[in-house]
Amino acid sequence: MNSKEKILDSLKKACGDPLPRPEIDLLYDKTALVEEYVRTAEASGTEVFLGEEENITGIITQWSEGQKIQSSVPRLREKYPLVFDEDMPFDQDNIPGVFVAEASFGVVENAALWFTDEELTSRLLAFIPEKLIILLSRNHLVATMHEAYARIEEGKTFGFGLFMAGPSKTADIEQTLVKGAQGAKELAVILY
């Protein structure tokens, strides 16, 4: 037995049998998920609109303030065609001022939104536009990140996935706040 094996063996003996994983049962009132999501999202700087399927385009148009809009949401592509070309990511004519996508689901405890390559046709579209509008079904809210990861594990396979929460904000050591350095300056969620 070499020295590495001796050390590992002594550590195993000192640690004893592994403990069972704890059951994490956070209590969330399932009827209040929408209200809690709105509170958490607004605290992070996200603007939240409570809408219905019928008025989504009206909210998008009003919030976009005349900027060029592109969408990866199939039912909105006729009105807001997706023409973004990854080969020219920094061409101003290529970049939408506002990008609209639909999240797979949202997490109430931190207002995170889950996306895969199915919702975001390009990863760049989550970070380059100045404004993002995310559609989120009220039926697609989970209370905690524990539930979120369980949902991801049971879901279908994907090429990439990402959680996004709030508009991009960063501060340096001098406490200078910069918005939009690592993503959109503004984020709106339309809960429908």
N, C-alpha and C. Protein backbone atom coordinates (compact mmCIF):
# COMPACT_ATOMS: atom_id res chain seq x y z
N MET A 1 0.85 -1.18 0.00
CA MET A 1 0.00 0.00 0.00
C MET A 1 0.89 1.24 0.00
N ASN A 2 0.69 2.12 -0.99
CA ASN A 2 1.51 3.33 -1.05
C ASN A 2 0.93 4.40 -0.11
N SER A 3 1.63 5.52 -0.01
CA SER A 3 1.22 6.55 0.95
C SER A 3 -0.15 7.16 0.61
N LYS A 4 -0.43 7.32 -0.66
CA LYS A 4 -1.73 7.87 -1.05
C LYS A 4 -2.86 6.95 -0.59
N GLU A 5 -2.70 5.66 -0.82
CA GLU A 5 -3.73 4.69 -0.42
C GLU A 5 -3.89 4.66 1.10
N LYS A 6 -2.77 4.79 1.83
CA LYS A 6 -2.84 4.81 3.29
C LYS A 6 -3.65 6.02 3.78
N ILE A 7 -3.37 7.16 3.18
CA ILE A 7 -4.08 8.38 3.58
C ILE A 7 -5.57 8.25 3.30
N LEU A 8 -5.92 7.80 2.09
CA LEU A 8 -7.32 7.64 1.73
C LEU A 8 -8.02 6.61 2.61
N ASP A 9 -7.31 5.53 2.92
CA ASP A 9 -7.89 4.49 3.77
C ASP A 9 -8.14 5.03 5.19
N SER A 10 -7.20 5.79 5.71
CA SER A 10 -7.39 6.35 7.06
C SER A 10 -8.53 7.38 7.07
N LEU A 11 -8.69 8.13 5.99
CA LEU A 11 -9.80 9.08 5.91
C LEU A 11 -11.14 8.35 5.86
N LYS A 12 -11.21 7.27 5.11
CA LYS A 12 -12.46 6.49 5.03
C LYS A 12 -12.83 5.93 6.40
N LYS A 13 -11.85 5.44 7.13
CA LYS A 13 -12.11 4.89 8.46
C LYS A 13 -12.57 5.99 9.43
N ALA A 14 -11.96 7.16 9.32
CA ALA A 14 -12.30 8.26 10.23
C ALA A 14 -13.69 8.84 9.94
N CYS A 15 -14.11 8.77 8.70
CA CYS A 15 -15.40 9.37 8.32
C CYS A 15 -16.60 8.50 8.64
N GLY A 16 -16.43 7.23 8.71
CA GLY A 16 -17.57 6.36 8.99
C GLY A 16 -18.44 6.16 7.75
N ASP A 17 -19.63 5.62 7.99
CA ASP A 17 -20.55 5.37 6.88
C ASP A 17 -21.13 6.68 6.36
N PRO A 18 -21.38 6.72 5.06
CA PRO A 18 -21.97 7.95 4.51
C PRO A 18 -23.38 8.18 5.06
N LEU A 19 -23.70 9.43 5.25
CA LEU A 19 -25.02 9.79 5.75
C LEU A 19 -26.01 9.88 4.59
N PRO A 20 -27.28 9.61 4.85
CA PRO A 20 -28.26 9.75 3.78
C PRO A 20 -28.43 11.23 3.41
N ARG A 21 -28.78 11.47 2.16
CA ARG A 21 -29.01 12.84 1.72
C ARG A 21 -30.24 13.39 2.44
N PRO A 22 -30.17 14.63 2.86
CA PRO A 22 -31.32 15.21 3.56
C PRO A 22 -32.48 15.46 2.60
N GLU A 23 -33.67 15.31 3.13
CA GLU A 23 -34.86 15.67 2.37
C GLU A 23 -35.06 17.17 2.53
N ILE A 24 -35.10 17.88 1.44
CA ILE A 24 -35.28 19.32 1.50
C ILE A 24 -36.73 19.60 1.12
N ASP A 25 -37.50 19.96 2.10
CA ASP A 25 -38.91 20.20 1.87
C ASP A 25 -39.22 21.65 2.24
N LEU A 26 -39.00 22.52 1.27
CA LEU A 26 -39.29 23.93 1.49
C LEU A 26 -40.76 24.16 1.22
N LEU A 27 -41.40 24.82 2.13
CA LEU A 27 -42.83 25.02 1.99
C LEU A 27 -43.13 26.29 1.20
N TYR A 28 -43.77 26.10 0.09
CA TYR A 28 -44.24 27.22 -0.73
C TYR A 28 -45.72 27.01 -0.96
N ASP A 29 -46.45 28.07 -0.81
CA ASP A 29 -47.87 28.02 -1.10
C ASP A 29 -48.02 27.99 -2.62
N LYS A 30 -48.40 26.85 -3.17
CA LYS A 30 -48.48 26.69 -4.62
C LYS A 30 -49.47 27.66 -5.26
N THR A 31 -50.44 28.13 -4.49
CA THR A 31 -51.41 29.08 -5.06
C THR A 31 -50.82 30.48 -5.17
N ALA A 32 -49.72 30.73 -4.48
CA ALA A 32 -49.12 32.07 -4.47
C ALA A 32 -47.84 32.14 -5.30
N LEU A 33 -47.58 31.14 -6.15
CA LEU A 33 -46.34 31.14 -6.93
C LEU A 33 -46.23 32.36 -7.85
N VAL A 34 -47.31 32.73 -8.49
CA VAL A 34 -47.26 33.88 -9.40
C VAL A 34 -46.92 35.15 -8.64
N GLU A 35 -47.59 35.38 -7.53
CA GLU A 35 -47.34 36.60 -6.74
C GLU A 35 -45.91 36.61 -6.21
N GLU A 36 -45.42 35.47 -5.74
CA GLU A 36 -44.05 35.39 -5.23
C GLU A 36 -43.03 35.60 -6.35
N TYR A 37 -43.31 35.02 -7.53
CA TYR A 37 -42.40 35.21 -8.66
C TYR A 37 -42.31 36.69 -9.02
N VAL A 38 -43.44 37.36 -9.09
CA VAL A 38 -43.47 38.78 -9.43
C VAL A 38 -42.65 39.57 -8.42
N ARG A 39 -42.84 39.30 -7.14
CA ARG A 39 -42.11 40.02 -6.09
C ARG A 39 -40.60 39.81 -6.24
N THR A 40 -40.19 38.56 -6.42
CA THR A 40 -38.76 38.24 -6.53
C THR A 40 -38.16 38.84 -7.80
N ALA A 41 -38.86 38.74 -8.91
CA ALA A 41 -38.35 39.27 -10.18
C ALA A 41 -38.21 40.78 -10.13
N GLU A 42 -39.20 41.46 -9.60
CA GLU A 42 -39.14 42.92 -9.52
C GLU A 42 -38.02 43.38 -8.59
N ALA A 43 -37.74 42.61 -7.55
CA ALA A 43 -36.64 42.95 -6.64
C ALA A 43 -35.29 42.88 -7.35
N SER A 44 -35.20 42.05 -8.40
CA SER A 44 -33.94 41.93 -9.14
C SER A 44 -33.83 42.94 -10.27
N GLY A 45 -34.85 43.76 -10.46
CA GLY A 45 -34.81 44.76 -11.52
C GLY A 45 -35.55 44.36 -12.79
N THR A 46 -36.22 43.23 -12.77
CA THR A 46 -36.99 42.78 -13.92
C THR A 46 -38.36 43.44 -13.89
N GLU A 47 -38.82 43.87 -15.05
CA GLU A 47 -40.17 44.42 -15.15
C GLU A 47 -41.09 43.25 -15.50
N VAL A 48 -42.18 43.10 -14.76
CA VAL A 48 -43.09 41.98 -14.97
C VAL A 48 -44.45 42.49 -15.42
N PHE A 49 -44.96 41.86 -16.46
CA PHE A 49 -46.30 42.17 -16.97
C PHE A 49 -47.16 40.93 -16.81
N LEU A 50 -48.34 41.11 -16.24
CA LEU A 50 -49.31 40.02 -16.18
C LEU A 50 -50.20 40.17 -17.40
N GLY A 51 -50.11 39.23 -18.30
CA GLY A 51 -50.84 39.33 -19.56
C GLY A 51 -51.61 38.08 -19.86
N GLU A 52 -52.24 38.11 -20.99
CA GLU A 52 -52.95 36.95 -21.54
C GLU A 52 -52.39 36.74 -22.94
N GLU A 53 -52.61 35.57 -23.48
CA GLU A 53 -52.11 35.25 -24.82
C GLU A 53 -52.51 36.33 -25.84
N GLU A 54 -53.72 36.87 -25.69
CA GLU A 54 -54.24 37.83 -26.66
C GLU A 54 -53.52 39.17 -26.65
N ASN A 55 -52.94 39.58 -25.52
CA ASN A 55 -52.33 40.92 -25.49
C ASN A 55 -50.81 40.91 -25.41
N ILE A 56 -50.19 39.77 -25.69
CA ILE A 56 -48.72 39.67 -25.63
C ILE A 56 -48.07 40.63 -26.63
N THR A 57 -48.53 40.64 -27.87
CA THR A 57 -47.89 41.50 -28.87
C THR A 57 -48.05 42.99 -28.53
N GLY A 58 -49.16 43.35 -27.93
CA GLY A 58 -49.35 44.74 -27.51
C GLY A 58 -48.34 45.14 -26.45
N ILE A 59 -48.11 44.26 -25.49
CA ILE A 59 -47.12 44.54 -24.43
C ILE A 59 -45.73 44.65 -25.04
N ILE A 60 -45.39 43.72 -25.94
CA ILE A 60 -44.07 43.73 -26.58
C ILE A 60 -43.85 45.04 -27.33
N THR A 61 -44.81 45.43 -28.13
CA THR A 61 -44.69 46.66 -28.93
C THR A 61 -44.54 47.89 -28.05
N GLN A 62 -45.34 47.98 -27.00
CA GLN A 62 -45.28 49.14 -26.11
C GLN A 62 -43.95 49.19 -25.37
N TRP A 63 -43.48 48.08 -24.83
CA TRP A 63 -42.25 48.06 -24.03
C TRP A 63 -41.02 48.28 -24.90
N SER A 64 -41.09 47.89 -26.16
CA SER A 64 -39.93 47.97 -27.06
C SER A 64 -39.62 49.38 -27.53
N GLU A 65 -40.56 50.28 -27.38
CA GLU A 65 -40.35 51.70 -27.71
C GLU A 65 -39.76 51.92 -29.10
N GLY A 66 -40.29 51.20 -30.09
CA GLY A 66 -39.88 51.41 -31.48
C GLY A 66 -38.59 50.74 -31.91
N GLN A 67 -37.94 50.00 -31.02
CA GLN A 67 -36.69 49.33 -31.40
C GLN A 67 -36.99 48.11 -32.28
N LYS A 68 -35.96 47.66 -33.01
CA LYS A 68 -36.10 46.49 -33.87
C LYS A 68 -36.28 45.25 -32.99
N ILE A 69 -37.34 44.48 -33.28
CA ILE A 69 -37.69 43.31 -32.47
C ILE A 69 -37.49 42.05 -33.30
N GLN A 70 -36.86 41.04 -32.69
CA GLN A 70 -36.76 39.70 -33.28
C GLN A 70 -37.22 38.71 -32.22
N SER A 71 -37.76 37.58 -32.67
CA SER A 71 -38.27 36.60 -31.72
C SER A 71 -37.95 35.17 -32.15
N SER A 72 -37.65 34.34 -31.17
CA SER A 72 -37.46 32.91 -31.43
C SER A 72 -38.72 32.12 -31.10
N VAL A 73 -39.79 32.80 -30.69
CA VAL A 73 -41.05 32.14 -30.35
C VAL A 73 -41.81 31.87 -31.65
N PRO A 74 -42.06 30.60 -31.96
CA PRO A 74 -42.68 30.28 -33.25
C PRO A 74 -43.97 31.06 -33.55
N ARG A 75 -44.85 31.22 -32.59
CA ARG A 75 -46.12 31.90 -32.86
C ARG A 75 -45.97 33.42 -33.05
N LEU A 76 -44.78 33.95 -32.77
CA LEU A 76 -44.55 35.39 -32.94
C LEU A 76 -43.63 35.71 -34.11
N ARG A 77 -43.10 34.70 -34.77
CA ARG A 77 -42.09 34.94 -35.82
C ARG A 77 -42.65 35.66 -37.04
N GLU A 78 -43.92 35.51 -37.31
CA GLU A 78 -44.48 36.23 -38.46
C GLU A 78 -44.43 37.73 -38.21
N LYS A 79 -44.78 38.14 -37.01
CA LYS A 79 -44.78 39.57 -36.65
C LYS A 79 -43.36 40.07 -36.36
N TYR A 80 -42.55 39.24 -35.69
CA TYR A 80 -41.19 39.61 -35.31
C TYR A 80 -40.22 38.56 -35.85
N PRO A 81 -39.88 38.61 -37.16
CA PRO A 81 -39.03 37.56 -37.74
C PRO A 81 -37.63 37.52 -37.12
N LEU A 82 -37.11 36.32 -36.99
CA LEU A 82 -35.76 36.11 -36.45
C LEU A 82 -34.80 36.08 -37.63
N VAL A 83 -34.01 37.13 -37.78
CA VAL A 83 -33.07 37.21 -38.89
C VAL A 83 -31.62 37.28 -38.40
N PHE A 84 -31.41 37.09 -37.11
CA PHE A 84 -30.07 37.16 -36.52
C PHE A 84 -29.16 36.12 -37.16
N ASP A 85 -27.97 36.55 -37.56
CA ASP A 85 -26.98 35.67 -38.18
C ASP A 85 -25.77 35.59 -37.26
N GLU A 86 -25.49 34.40 -36.74
CA GLU A 86 -24.37 34.22 -35.80
C GLU A 86 -23.03 34.55 -36.42
N ASP A 87 -22.92 34.49 -37.73
CA ASP A 87 -21.64 34.79 -38.39
C ASP A 87 -21.33 36.28 -38.39
N MET A 88 -22.32 37.11 -38.09
CA MET A 88 -22.12 38.57 -38.03
C MET A 88 -22.68 39.11 -36.72
N PRO A 89 -22.23 38.61 -35.57
CA PRO A 89 -22.88 38.96 -34.31
C PRO A 89 -22.80 40.43 -33.92
N PHE A 90 -21.82 41.16 -34.43
CA PHE A 90 -21.66 42.55 -33.98
C PHE A 90 -22.05 43.57 -35.05
N ASP A 91 -22.63 43.11 -36.13
CA ASP A 91 -23.15 44.01 -37.16
C ASP A 91 -24.43 44.64 -36.61
N GLN A 92 -24.48 45.95 -36.53
CA GLN A 92 -25.62 46.65 -35.92
C GLN A 92 -26.94 46.34 -36.61
N ASP A 93 -26.91 46.07 -37.92
CA ASP A 93 -28.14 45.73 -38.63
C ASP A 93 -28.62 44.33 -38.29
N ASN A 94 -27.74 43.53 -37.75
CA ASN A 94 -28.05 42.13 -37.43
C ASN A 94 -28.60 41.98 -36.01
N ILE A 95 -28.18 42.84 -35.11
CA ILE A 95 -28.53 42.71 -33.69
C ILE A 95 -29.91 43.30 -33.43
N PRO A 96 -30.80 42.52 -32.85
CA PRO A 96 -32.10 43.10 -32.49
C PRO A 96 -31.94 44.03 -31.29
N GLY A 97 -32.69 45.12 -31.29
CA GLY A 97 -32.71 45.98 -30.11
C GLY A 97 -33.44 45.29 -28.98
N VAL A 98 -34.44 44.48 -29.37
CA VAL A 98 -35.24 43.72 -28.42
C VAL A 98 -35.35 42.29 -28.93
N PHE A 99 -35.05 41.35 -28.07
CA PHE A 99 -35.20 39.93 -28.43
C PHE A 99 -36.27 39.31 -27.54
N VAL A 100 -37.17 38.56 -28.17
CA VAL A 100 -38.27 37.91 -27.45
C VAL A 100 -38.06 36.40 -27.50
N ALA A 101 -38.08 35.76 -26.34
CA ALA A 101 -37.97 34.30 -26.25
C ALA A 101 -38.97 33.81 -25.22
N GLU A 102 -39.17 32.51 -25.20
CA GLU A 102 -40.06 31.92 -24.21
C GLU A 102 -39.24 30.99 -23.34
N ALA A 103 -39.33 31.15 -22.03
CA ALA A 103 -38.59 30.30 -21.10
C ALA A 103 -39.30 28.96 -20.94
N SER A 104 -38.51 27.91 -20.73
CA SER A 104 -39.10 26.59 -20.44
C SER A 104 -39.87 26.65 -19.14
N PHE A 105 -39.25 27.29 -18.13
CA PHE A 105 -39.92 27.48 -16.84
C PHE A 105 -39.19 28.56 -16.06
N GLY A 106 -39.83 29.02 -14.99
CA GLY A 106 -39.25 30.02 -14.11
C GLY A 106 -39.18 29.49 -12.69
N VAL A 107 -38.20 29.98 -11.93
CA VAL A 107 -37.99 29.55 -10.55
C VAL A 107 -38.39 30.70 -9.62
N VAL A 108 -39.31 30.44 -8.72
CA VAL A 108 -39.86 31.49 -7.86
C VAL A 108 -38.84 32.04 -6.88
N GLU A 109 -38.03 31.18 -6.25
CA GLU A 109 -37.17 31.64 -5.16
C GLU A 109 -36.13 32.66 -5.59
N ASN A 110 -35.72 32.66 -6.86
CA ASN A 110 -34.72 33.62 -7.31
C ASN A 110 -35.05 34.27 -8.65
N ALA A 111 -36.25 34.03 -9.16
CA ALA A 111 -36.74 34.58 -10.43
C ALA A 111 -35.89 34.16 -11.63
N ALA A 112 -35.19 33.03 -11.51
CA ALA A 112 -34.39 32.53 -12.63
C ALA A 112 -35.30 31.96 -13.71
N LEU A 113 -34.84 32.07 -14.94
CA LEU A 113 -35.56 31.55 -16.10
C LEU A 113 -34.67 30.50 -16.77
N TRP A 114 -35.25 29.36 -17.14
CA TRP A 114 -34.48 28.28 -17.76
C TRP A 114 -34.73 28.26 -19.27
N PHE A 115 -33.62 28.21 -20.01
CA PHE A 115 -33.67 28.14 -21.47
C PHE A 115 -32.78 27.01 -21.96
N THR A 116 -33.16 26.43 -23.07
CA THR A 116 -32.30 25.48 -23.78
C THR A 116 -32.13 25.99 -25.21
N ASP A 117 -31.39 25.24 -26.00
CA ASP A 117 -31.21 25.62 -27.40
C ASP A 117 -32.51 25.54 -28.19
N GLU A 118 -33.53 24.95 -27.61
CA GLU A 118 -34.84 24.94 -28.27
C GLU A 118 -35.48 26.33 -28.22
N GLU A 119 -35.35 27.02 -27.10
CA GLU A 119 -35.93 28.36 -26.95
C GLU A 119 -35.00 29.46 -27.48
N LEU A 120 -33.71 29.28 -27.27
CA LEU A 120 -32.72 30.25 -27.75
C LEU A 120 -31.99 29.63 -28.93
N THR A 121 -32.30 30.08 -30.12
CA THR A 121 -31.66 29.49 -31.30
C THR A 121 -30.17 29.80 -31.35
N SER A 122 -29.75 30.82 -30.63
CA SER A 122 -28.34 31.18 -30.52
C SER A 122 -28.09 31.66 -29.09
N ARG A 123 -27.03 31.21 -28.49
CA ARG A 123 -26.68 31.67 -27.14
C ARG A 123 -26.45 33.18 -27.11
N LEU A 124 -25.94 33.70 -28.20
CA LEU A 124 -25.65 35.14 -28.26
C LEU A 124 -26.89 35.99 -28.05
N LEU A 125 -28.04 35.47 -28.45
CA LEU A 125 -29.27 36.25 -28.33
C LEU A 125 -29.69 36.47 -26.87
N ALA A 126 -29.12 35.74 -25.95
CA ALA A 126 -29.41 35.96 -24.54
C ALA A 126 -28.57 37.10 -23.96
N PHE A 127 -27.53 37.52 -24.70
CA PHE A 127 -26.58 38.47 -24.12
C PHE A 127 -26.35 39.74 -24.94
N ILE A 128 -26.50 39.69 -26.25
CA ILE A 128 -26.16 40.84 -27.09
C ILE A 128 -27.24 41.92 -27.13
N PRO A 129 -28.53 41.58 -27.27
CA PRO A 129 -29.54 42.65 -27.35
C PRO A 129 -29.59 43.50 -26.07
N GLU A 130 -29.96 44.77 -26.24
CA GLU A 130 -30.07 45.69 -25.09
C GLU A 130 -31.25 45.33 -24.20
N LYS A 131 -32.31 44.81 -24.82
CA LYS A 131 -33.52 44.47 -24.07
C LYS A 131 -33.95 43.04 -24.39
N LEU A 132 -34.41 42.35 -23.36
CA LEU A 132 -34.98 41.02 -23.54
C LEU A 132 -36.41 41.02 -23.01
N ILE A 133 -37.28 40.37 -23.75
CA ILE A 133 -38.63 40.12 -23.28
C ILE A 133 -38.80 38.62 -23.25
N ILE A 134 -39.14 38.11 -22.09
CA ILE A 134 -39.29 36.67 -21.93
C ILE A 134 -40.75 36.34 -21.63
N LEU A 135 -41.30 35.43 -22.41
CA LEU A 135 -42.64 34.93 -22.16
C LEU A 135 -42.53 33.76 -21.20
N LEU A 136 -43.42 33.72 -20.22
CA LEU A 136 -43.40 32.65 -19.22
C LEU A 136 -44.83 32.29 -18.86
N SER A 137 -45.17 31.04 -19.07
CA SER A 137 -46.50 30.58 -18.70
C SER A 137 -46.62 30.49 -17.18
N ARG A 138 -47.74 30.93 -16.66
CA ARG A 138 -47.98 30.83 -15.21
C ARG A 138 -47.99 29.37 -14.76
N ASN A 139 -48.26 28.47 -15.68
CA ASN A 139 -48.26 27.04 -15.35
C ASN A 139 -46.87 26.43 -15.35
N HIS A 140 -45.86 27.22 -15.72
CA HIS A 140 -44.50 26.72 -15.79
C HIS A 140 -43.61 27.35 -14.72
N LEU A 141 -44.13 27.50 -13.53
CA LEU A 141 -43.36 28.02 -12.40
C LEU A 141 -43.06 26.88 -11.44
N VAL A 142 -41.81 26.83 -10.96
CA VAL A 142 -41.45 25.91 -9.89
C VAL A 142 -40.99 26.74 -8.71
N ALA A 143 -41.13 26.22 -7.51
CA ALA A 143 -40.85 27.01 -6.31
C ALA A 143 -39.36 27.20 -6.05
N THR A 144 -38.56 26.14 -6.24
CA THR A 144 -37.16 26.19 -5.81
C THR A 144 -36.21 25.68 -6.90
N MET A 145 -34.93 25.94 -6.71
CA MET A 145 -33.91 25.41 -7.61
C MET A 145 -33.85 23.89 -7.51
N HIS A 146 -34.19 23.33 -6.35
CA HIS A 146 -34.23 21.86 -6.22
C HIS A 146 -35.24 21.29 -7.21
N GLU A 147 -36.42 21.90 -7.26
CA GLU A 147 -37.44 21.47 -8.21
C GLU A 147 -36.99 21.72 -9.64
N ALA A 148 -36.29 22.82 -9.86
CA ALA A 148 -35.82 23.15 -11.21
C ALA A 148 -34.86 22.08 -11.72
N TYR A 149 -33.89 21.70 -10.90
CA TYR A 149 -32.93 20.69 -11.35
C TYR A 149 -33.59 19.33 -11.52
N ALA A 150 -34.56 19.01 -10.69
CA ALA A 150 -35.30 17.75 -10.87
C ALA A 150 -36.04 17.78 -12.21
N ARG A 151 -36.61 18.92 -12.54
CA ARG A 151 -37.34 19.05 -13.81
C ARG A 151 -36.38 18.95 -15.00
N ILE A 152 -35.20 19.54 -14.88
CA ILE A 152 -34.21 19.46 -15.96
C ILE A 152 -33.77 18.01 -16.16
N GLU A 153 -33.52 17.30 -15.06
CA GLU A 153 -33.06 15.91 -15.14
C GLU A 153 -34.10 15.00 -15.78
N GLU A 154 -35.37 15.26 -15.55
CA GLU A 154 -36.41 14.40 -16.12
C GLU A 154 -36.81 14.82 -17.53
N GLY A 155 -36.33 15.96 -17.98
CA GLY A 155 -36.70 16.47 -19.30
C GLY A 155 -35.89 15.84 -20.42
N LYS A 156 -36.14 16.34 -21.63
CA LYS A 156 -35.44 15.82 -22.79
C LYS A 156 -34.02 16.38 -22.87
N THR A 157 -33.21 15.77 -23.70
CA THR A 157 -31.82 16.21 -23.84
C THR A 157 -31.77 17.51 -24.63
N PHE A 158 -30.69 18.25 -24.44
CA PHE A 158 -30.53 19.53 -25.10
C PHE A 158 -29.05 19.78 -25.34
N GLY A 159 -28.77 20.67 -26.29
CA GLY A 159 -27.39 21.01 -26.63
C GLY A 159 -26.75 21.94 -25.60
N PHE A 160 -27.49 22.96 -25.18
CA PHE A 160 -27.02 23.84 -24.11
C PHE A 160 -28.22 24.31 -23.31
N GLY A 161 -27.96 24.71 -22.09
CA GLY A 161 -29.01 25.24 -21.23
C GLY A 161 -28.42 26.33 -20.36
N LEU A 162 -29.28 27.28 -19.98
CA LEU A 162 -28.79 28.33 -19.09
C LEU A 162 -29.93 28.89 -18.25
N PHE A 163 -29.56 29.30 -17.05
CA PHE A 163 -30.46 30.05 -16.19
C PHE A 163 -30.13 31.53 -16.35
N MET A 164 -31.15 32.35 -16.38
CA MET A 164 -30.97 33.79 -16.46
C MET A 164 -31.87 34.42 -15.41
N ALA A 165 -31.35 35.41 -14.71
CA ALA A 165 -32.17 36.11 -13.71
C ALA A 165 -31.84 37.60 -13.75
N GLY A 166 -32.85 38.40 -13.97
CA GLY A 166 -32.68 39.85 -13.90
C GLY A 166 -31.83 40.42 -15.01
N PRO A 167 -31.87 41.72 -15.20
CA PRO A 167 -31.00 42.36 -16.19
C PRO A 167 -29.55 42.31 -15.70
N SER A 168 -28.61 42.43 -16.62
CA SER A 168 -27.19 42.37 -16.29
C SER A 168 -26.78 43.58 -15.46
N LYS A 169 -26.16 43.31 -14.32
CA LYS A 169 -25.63 44.38 -13.47
C LYS A 169 -24.31 43.88 -12.88
N THR A 170 -23.33 44.73 -12.87
CA THR A 170 -22.06 44.40 -12.24
C THR A 170 -21.48 45.67 -11.63
N ALA A 171 -20.68 45.50 -10.59
CA ALA A 171 -20.05 46.66 -9.96
C ALA A 171 -18.58 46.34 -9.71
N ASP A 172 -17.74 47.36 -9.81
CA ASP A 172 -16.33 47.14 -9.55
C ASP A 172 -16.01 47.49 -8.09
N ILE A 173 -14.75 47.41 -7.76
CA ILE A 173 -14.32 47.62 -6.37
C ILE A 173 -14.62 49.05 -5.91
N GLU A 174 -14.73 49.98 -6.85
CA GLU A 174 -15.05 51.36 -6.50
C GLU A 174 -16.56 51.56 -6.40
N GLN A 175 -17.30 50.48 -6.48
CA GLN A 175 -18.76 50.47 -6.35
C GLN A 175 -19.45 51.25 -7.46
N THR A 176 -18.87 51.19 -8.64
CA THR A 176 -19.50 51.79 -9.81
C THR A 176 -20.37 50.73 -10.46
N LEU A 177 -21.67 50.97 -10.51
CA LEU A 177 -22.61 50.01 -11.08
C LEU A 177 -22.70 50.21 -12.58
N VAL A 178 -22.55 49.10 -13.30
CA VAL A 178 -22.65 49.12 -14.76
C VAL A 178 -23.75 48.15 -15.16
N LYS A 179 -24.68 48.64 -15.96
CA LYS A 179 -25.76 47.77 -16.46
C LYS A 179 -25.44 47.37 -17.89
N GLY A 180 -25.71 46.11 -18.21
CA GLY A 180 -25.56 45.64 -19.58
C GLY A 180 -24.17 45.17 -19.95
N ALA A 181 -23.25 45.06 -19.02
CA ALA A 181 -21.89 44.63 -19.35
C ALA A 181 -21.83 43.16 -19.76
N GLN A 182 -22.69 42.33 -19.19
CA GLN A 182 -22.64 40.90 -19.46
C GLN A 182 -23.97 40.37 -19.98
N GLY A 183 -24.82 41.24 -20.42
CA GLY A 183 -26.12 40.82 -20.92
C GLY A 183 -27.01 42.02 -21.14
N ALA A 184 -28.28 41.77 -21.24
CA ALA A 184 -29.25 42.83 -21.53
C ALA A 184 -29.30 43.87 -20.41
N LYS A 185 -29.47 45.13 -20.80
CA LYS A 185 -29.63 46.20 -19.81
C LYS A 185 -31.00 46.15 -19.16
N GLU A 186 -31.98 45.68 -19.92
CA GLU A 186 -33.35 45.63 -19.41
C GLU A 186 -33.95 44.27 -19.71
N LEU A 187 -34.72 43.78 -18.74
CA LEU A 187 -35.39 42.49 -18.89
C LEU A 187 -36.84 42.64 -18.47
N ALA A 188 -37.72 42.16 -19.32
CA ALA A 188 -39.14 42.13 -18.98
C ALA A 188 -39.64 40.70 -19.11
N VAL A 189 -40.50 40.31 -18.21
CA VAL A 189 -41.14 38.99 -18.27
C VAL A 189 -42.63 39.21 -18.42
N ILE A 190 -43.21 38.53 -19.40
CA ILE A 190 -44.66 38.56 -19.56
C ILE A 190 -45.19 37.23 -19.06
N LEU A 191 -45.84 37.25 -17.90
CA LEU A 191 -46.48 36.06 -17.34
C LEU A 191 -47.87 35.96 -17.95
N TYR A 192 -48.12 34.86 -18.62
CA TYR A 192 -49.44 34.71 -19.26
C TYR A 192 -50.09 33.41 -18.84
